[in-house]
Amino acid sequence: MEIKAHAKLNLTLDVLGKRPDGYHDLRMVMQSIELADTLTLTRNDTGELRVGTNLHFLPNNERNLAAQAALRWWERENTVPCGLDINIEKHIPVCAGMGGGSSDAAAVLRALNQMEDRHLDLDILAEIGALVGSDVPYCVMGGTALAEGRGEVLTPLPPLPKCWVVLCKPEFSISTPALFAKIDSVRLRCRPDAKGAVAALEAGDLAGVARRMYNVFEDALPDRQRNRVADLKNTLIQCGALGASMSGTGPTAFGLFDSEDRAMEAREKLEDFGGEVFLTRTV
């Protein structure tokens, strides 16, 4: 079976505080985009779970989230793991705040649900996904949603009006655990207006959503990386983006456009910055 694993963006991301279990309570407006990995799942007669990717540095064993998702699936179904090859053709940038690994895991759950003819509700698949990672439940659902708790408490939202997205993942990566450890001691410049973003979605107001985009993790970045993300956002705005922000714990910066021509101009400008640049659309 071949299946797509779509990248996600955080239109808003707020950290509400640290929980007794060591995690943080979050409030995020999430959005799927067309940029996607392609997974192919194939039965094998070895009885082994094997993972292969087109990127040599990614794990090809149980440390890969796609493999973890398959193992959690079999645990939930109380069945003996069967021989399965998972091949992942990566297109989503790695360590970019776009949920690439989580989306791969979610795709495996959706694929196994069909391959094993189980027809489980997405809510159940999301519960299994929560055992793999905090972003996996959203990636199971996809679309536009409000995510709370660790990210596993999901409320579907009216879809974001179709638009173009230009994004740039700089050549450096960010440590997610380090940012979460730092965020509690950082003085935040502002917080995203998630309530206003939801109201704008309900009104079908793309510009209203874009104006309210913000990610508090931008304030926790080291100075050099924060300045780089700010430069990318400013370039996007100067090229006509309705709004620009950073996704997840970064460092990918993105902008929303209602004009394909302006989006193409922004992509060309960002290519001068280096890193990985994409022009895509919302799902």
Protein backbone atom coordinates (compact mmCIF):
# COMPACT_ATOMS: atom_id res chain seq x y z
CA MET A 1 0.00 0.00 0.00
CA GLU A 2 1.23 3.49 -0.86
CA ILE A 3 0.12 6.39 1.32
CA LYS A 4 0.94 10.08 1.69
CA ALA A 5 2.13 11.64 4.95
CA HIS A 6 1.42 15.37 4.83
CA ALA A 7 3.51 17.96 6.64
CA LYS A 8 1.89 20.19 9.24
CA LEU A 9 2.25 23.85 10.15
CA ASN A 10 1.53 25.59 13.43
CA LEU A 11 -0.51 28.66 12.53
CA THR A 12 -0.39 29.55 16.21
CA LEU A 13 1.59 27.94 19.02
CA ASP A 14 1.29 28.90 22.68
CA VAL A 15 2.87 27.21 25.73
CA LEU A 16 0.53 27.58 28.69
CA GLY A 17 2.74 26.07 31.39
CA LYS A 18 4.51 22.99 32.64
CA ARG A 19 2.46 20.04 33.87
CA PRO A 20 3.16 17.76 36.87
CA ASP A 21 4.07 14.95 34.45
CA GLY A 22 6.90 17.03 33.00
CA TYR A 23 5.14 17.84 29.73
CA HIS A 24 3.81 21.27 28.78
CA ASP A 25 0.23 22.30 28.13
CA LEU A 26 -0.04 23.71 24.63
CA ARG A 27 -2.63 25.51 22.54
CA MET A 28 -2.04 25.35 18.80
CA VAL A 29 -3.95 25.94 15.60
CA MET A 30 -2.65 23.30 13.17
CA GLN A 31 -2.83 23.04 9.39
CA SER A 32 -1.91 20.35 6.85
CA ILE A 33 -0.12 21.22 3.61
CA GLU A 34 0.40 19.38 0.33
CA LEU A 35 4.12 18.81 0.93
CA ALA A 36 4.28 15.15 1.91
CA ASP A 37 6.42 12.04 2.35
CA THR A 38 5.39 8.91 0.45
CA LEU A 39 5.26 5.63 2.37
CA THR A 40 5.00 2.17 0.85
CA LEU A 41 4.04 -0.71 3.14
CA THR A 42 4.69 -4.25 1.87
CA ARG A 43 4.20 -7.60 3.56
CA ASN A 44 7.29 -9.80 3.76
CA ASP A 45 7.73 -13.45 4.72
CA THR A 46 10.65 -12.91 7.11
CA GLY A 47 8.50 -11.98 10.10
CA GLU A 48 10.67 -8.87 10.54
CA LEU A 49 9.70 -5.19 10.73
CA ARG A 50 12.07 -3.34 8.40
CA VAL A 51 12.28 0.37 7.61
CA GLY A 52 14.07 1.97 4.68
CA THR A 53 14.36 5.62 3.65
CA ASN A 54 16.05 7.67 0.95
CA LEU A 55 18.02 9.52 3.68
CA HIS A 56 20.94 7.49 5.00
CA PHE A 57 21.07 9.23 8.39
CA LEU A 58 17.53 8.34 9.47
CA PRO A 59 17.05 5.28 11.72
CA ASN A 60 16.00 2.09 9.93
CA ASN A 61 14.99 0.24 13.08
CA GLU A 62 12.53 0.62 15.96
CA ARG A 63 13.83 4.12 16.72
CA ASN A 64 12.00 5.31 13.61
CA LEU A 65 8.56 6.64 14.54
CA ALA A 66 7.00 4.77 11.62
CA ALA A 67 8.23 1.48 13.09
CA GLN A 68 7.05 2.50 16.56
CA ALA A 69 3.59 3.18 15.15
CA ALA A 70 3.41 -0.32 13.66
CA LEU A 71 4.47 -1.88 16.99
CA ARG A 72 1.87 0.14 18.92
CA TRP A 73 -0.76 -0.91 16.38
CA TRP A 74 -0.04 -4.60 16.90
CA GLU A 75 -0.05 -4.13 20.68
CA ARG A 76 -3.46 -2.45 20.48
CA GLU A 77 -4.79 -5.25 18.28
CA ASN A 78 -3.21 -7.86 20.55
CA THR A 79 -1.73 -9.62 17.53
CA VAL A 80 1.70 -11.03 16.82
CA PRO A 81 3.79 -8.60 14.72
CA CYS A 82 3.94 -9.73 11.12
CA GLY A 83 6.63 -9.26 8.50
CA LEU A 84 6.39 -5.73 7.16
CA ASP A 85 8.62 -3.49 5.05
CA ILE A 86 8.06 0.26 5.42
CA ASN A 87 9.77 2.36 2.77
CA ILE A 88 9.74 6.12 3.34
CA GLU A 89 10.49 8.53 0.53
CA LYS A 90 11.24 11.72 2.45
CA HIS A 91 10.26 15.12 1.09
CA ILE A 92 9.40 16.90 4.36
CA PRO A 93 12.54 18.49 5.83
CA VAL A 94 13.97 16.68 8.85
CA CYS A 95 14.12 18.40 12.26
CA ALA A 96 12.16 21.30 10.83
CA GLY A 97 9.11 21.68 13.11
CA MET A 98 6.83 20.31 10.40
CA GLY A 99 5.95 16.95 11.93
CA GLY A 100 7.66 14.77 9.33
CA GLY A 101 8.31 11.81 11.63
CA SER A 102 4.93 12.16 13.33
CA SER A 103 3.16 12.29 9.98
CA ASP A 104 4.99 9.14 8.84
CA ALA A 105 3.84 7.37 12.02
CA ALA A 106 0.25 8.52 11.45
CA ALA A 107 0.37 7.29 7.85
CA VAL A 108 1.47 3.84 9.02
CA LEU A 109 -1.52 3.66 11.38
CA ARG A 110 -3.94 4.67 8.64
CA ALA A 111 -2.37 2.20 6.22
CA LEU A 112 -2.46 -0.75 8.64
CA ASN A 113 -6.07 0.09 9.44
CA GLN A 114 -6.85 -0.58 5.77
CA MET A 115 -4.41 -3.42 5.13
CA GLU A 116 -5.73 -5.42 8.07
CA ASP A 117 -9.34 -4.49 7.24
CA ARG A 118 -10.05 -3.11 10.71
CA HIS A 119 -11.91 0.13 9.87
CA LEU A 120 -11.13 1.69 13.26
CA ASP A 121 -12.33 5.26 13.79
CA LEU A 122 -9.75 8.01 13.47
CA ASP A 123 -10.26 8.75 17.18
CA ILE A 124 -8.95 5.30 18.06
CA LEU A 125 -6.03 5.63 15.64
CA ALA A 126 -5.23 8.97 17.29
CA GLU A 127 -5.20 7.30 20.72
CA ILE A 128 -2.69 4.77 19.43
CA GLY A 129 -0.69 7.57 17.87
CA ALA A 130 -0.47 9.42 21.20
CA LEU A 131 1.65 6.49 22.47
CA VAL A 132 4.18 7.30 19.74
CA GLY A 133 4.38 11.10 19.94
CA SER A 134 2.42 14.22 20.84
CA ASP A 135 1.95 15.39 17.22
CA VAL A 136 0.86 11.99 15.89
CA PRO A 137 -2.84 12.30 16.88
CA TYR A 138 -3.15 15.53 14.89
CA CYS A 139 -1.31 13.99 11.93
CA VAL A 140 -3.82 11.11 11.99
CA MET A 141 -6.67 13.61 11.70
CA GLY A 142 -5.06 16.23 9.44
CA GLY A 143 -6.81 19.30 8.06
CA THR A 144 -7.36 22.32 10.31
CA ALA A 145 -7.65 21.74 14.06
CA LEU A 146 -7.14 23.22 17.50
CA ALA A 147 -4.71 21.05 19.49
CA GLU A 148 -4.51 21.30 23.27
CA GLY A 149 -3.05 19.34 26.16
CA ARG A 150 0.23 17.82 24.93
CA GLY A 151 -1.24 18.14 21.45
CA GLU A 152 -3.50 15.11 21.68
CA VAL A 153 -6.74 16.95 22.59
CA LEU A 154 -8.11 17.88 19.17
CA THR A 155 -11.02 20.02 18.04
CA PRO A 156 -11.68 20.09 14.27
CA LEU A 157 -11.96 23.62 12.87
CA PRO A 158 -13.41 25.05 9.66
CA PRO A 159 -10.83 24.61 6.92
CA LEU A 160 -8.35 27.38 6.25
CA PRO A 161 -9.27 28.98 2.90
CA LYS A 162 -7.07 27.50 0.17
CA CYS A 163 -3.85 29.44 -0.21
CA TRP A 164 -0.23 29.15 -1.25
CA VAL A 165 2.47 28.51 1.34
CA VAL A 166 6.14 29.38 0.97
CA LEU A 167 8.46 27.94 3.56
CA CYS A 168 12.17 27.83 4.23
CA LYS A 169 14.00 25.45 6.53
CA PRO A 170 17.40 27.06 7.23
CA GLU A 171 20.55 24.96 7.12
CA PHE A 172 20.63 24.62 10.93
CA SER A 173 18.38 22.55 13.19
CA ILE A 174 16.91 23.25 16.62
CA SER A 175 16.83 20.97 19.66
CA THR A 176 13.18 20.50 20.66
CA PRO A 177 14.01 19.32 24.24
CA ALA A 178 16.33 22.32 24.71
CA LEU A 179 13.63 24.79 23.66
CA PHE A 180 11.04 23.20 25.93
CA ALA A 181 13.54 23.36 28.80
CA LYS A 182 14.18 27.04 28.08
CA ILE A 183 10.66 28.27 27.40
CA ASP A 184 9.66 28.39 31.10
CA SER A 185 12.36 30.96 31.87
CA VAL A 186 11.92 33.14 28.78
CA ARG A 187 10.09 36.45 28.90
CA LEU A 188 7.62 36.17 26.03
CA ARG A 189 7.19 39.22 23.80
CA CYS A 190 3.57 38.33 23.07
CA ARG A 191 1.20 35.42 22.80
CA PRO A 192 -0.73 34.28 19.74
CA ASP A 193 -4.42 35.12 19.50
CA ALA A 194 -5.70 31.56 19.06
CA LYS A 195 -9.26 32.59 19.87
CA GLY A 196 -9.15 35.28 17.21
CA ALA A 197 -7.62 32.85 14.71
CA VAL A 198 -10.45 30.38 15.32
CA ALA A 199 -13.02 33.14 14.84
CA ALA A 200 -11.32 34.13 11.57
CA LEU A 201 -11.44 30.51 10.40
CA GLU A 202 -15.14 30.38 11.20
CA ALA A 203 -15.60 33.54 9.09
CA GLY A 204 -13.50 32.16 6.22
CA ASP A 205 -11.13 35.12 6.68
CA LEU A 206 -7.69 34.05 5.42
CA ALA A 207 -6.08 37.45 6.09
CA GLY A 208 -7.54 37.45 9.60
CA VAL A 209 -5.94 34.11 10.36
CA ALA A 210 -2.61 35.18 8.87
CA ARG A 211 -2.51 38.38 10.96
CA ARG A 212 -2.86 36.32 14.14
CA MET A 213 -0.10 33.80 13.44
CA TYR A 214 2.60 33.65 16.10
CA ASN A 215 4.78 31.04 17.80
CA VAL A 216 6.13 31.65 21.31
CA PHE A 217 9.11 29.39 20.64
CA GLU A 218 10.56 32.15 18.48
CA ASP A 219 11.35 33.96 21.75
CA ALA A 220 13.30 30.95 23.05
CA LEU A 221 15.63 30.61 20.06
CA PRO A 222 19.31 31.49 20.46
CA ASP A 223 19.97 35.03 19.21
CA ARG A 224 21.61 34.05 15.92
CA GLN A 225 18.84 31.61 14.97
CA ARG A 226 16.11 34.03 16.09
CA ASN A 227 17.56 36.73 13.87
CA ARG A 228 17.70 34.34 10.92
CA VAL A 229 14.06 33.33 11.35
CA ALA A 230 13.11 37.01 11.66
CA ASP A 231 14.93 37.78 8.40
CA LEU A 232 13.04 35.00 6.63
CA LYS A 233 9.70 36.23 7.98
CA ASN A 234 10.45 39.81 6.97
CA THR A 235 11.34 38.69 3.45
CA LEU A 236 8.07 36.78 3.19
CA ILE A 237 6.07 39.82 4.33
CA GLN A 238 7.94 42.11 1.93
CA CYS A 239 7.05 39.72 -0.91
CA GLY A 240 3.36 39.99 -0.09
CA ALA A 241 2.68 37.28 2.49
CA LEU A 242 -0.52 37.91 4.46
CA GLY A 243 1.34 36.73 7.54
CA ALA A 244 4.48 34.79 8.49
CA SER A 245 5.52 32.65 11.42
CA MET A 246 7.69 29.73 12.53
CA SER A 247 6.35 26.17 12.69
CA GLY A 248 6.72 23.93 15.74
CA THR A 249 10.03 24.33 17.52
CA GLY A 250 11.49 25.50 14.24
CA PRO A 251 13.49 26.56 12.52
CA THR A 252 11.18 26.53 9.45
CA ALA A 253 9.65 29.93 8.65
CA PHE A 254 6.58 30.12 6.42
CA GLY A 255 4.20 32.63 4.92
CA LEU A 256 0.64 32.43 3.60
CA PHE A 257 -0.15 33.97 0.21
CA ASP A 258 -3.37 34.65 -1.67
CA SER A 259 -1.40 35.22 -4.91
CA GLU A 260 0.58 32.51 -6.68
CA ASP A 261 2.74 35.12 -8.43
CA ARG A 262 3.77 36.72 -5.14
CA ALA A 263 4.37 33.28 -3.65
CA MET A 264 6.68 32.39 -6.55
CA GLU A 265 8.57 35.67 -6.07
CA ALA A 266 8.99 34.88 -2.36
CA ARG A 267 10.31 31.41 -3.14
CA GLU A 268 12.93 32.90 -5.47
CA LYS A 269 13.99 35.46 -2.85
CA LEU A 270 14.28 32.84 -0.09
CA GLU A 271 16.47 30.62 -2.23
CA ASP A 272 19.18 33.28 -1.79
CA PHE A 273 19.14 32.53 1.96
CA GLY A 274 20.14 28.89 1.49
CA GLY A 275 18.46 25.98 3.21
CA GLU A 276 15.45 24.13 1.81
CA VAL A 277 12.72 26.22 0.16
CA PHE A 278 9.28 25.00 -0.89
CA LEU A 279 6.18 26.39 -2.56
CA THR A 280 3.10 24.36 -1.71
CA ARG A 281 -0.58 24.73 -0.84
CA THR A 282 -2.82 24.02 2.12
CA VAL A 283 -4.86 20.81 2.35
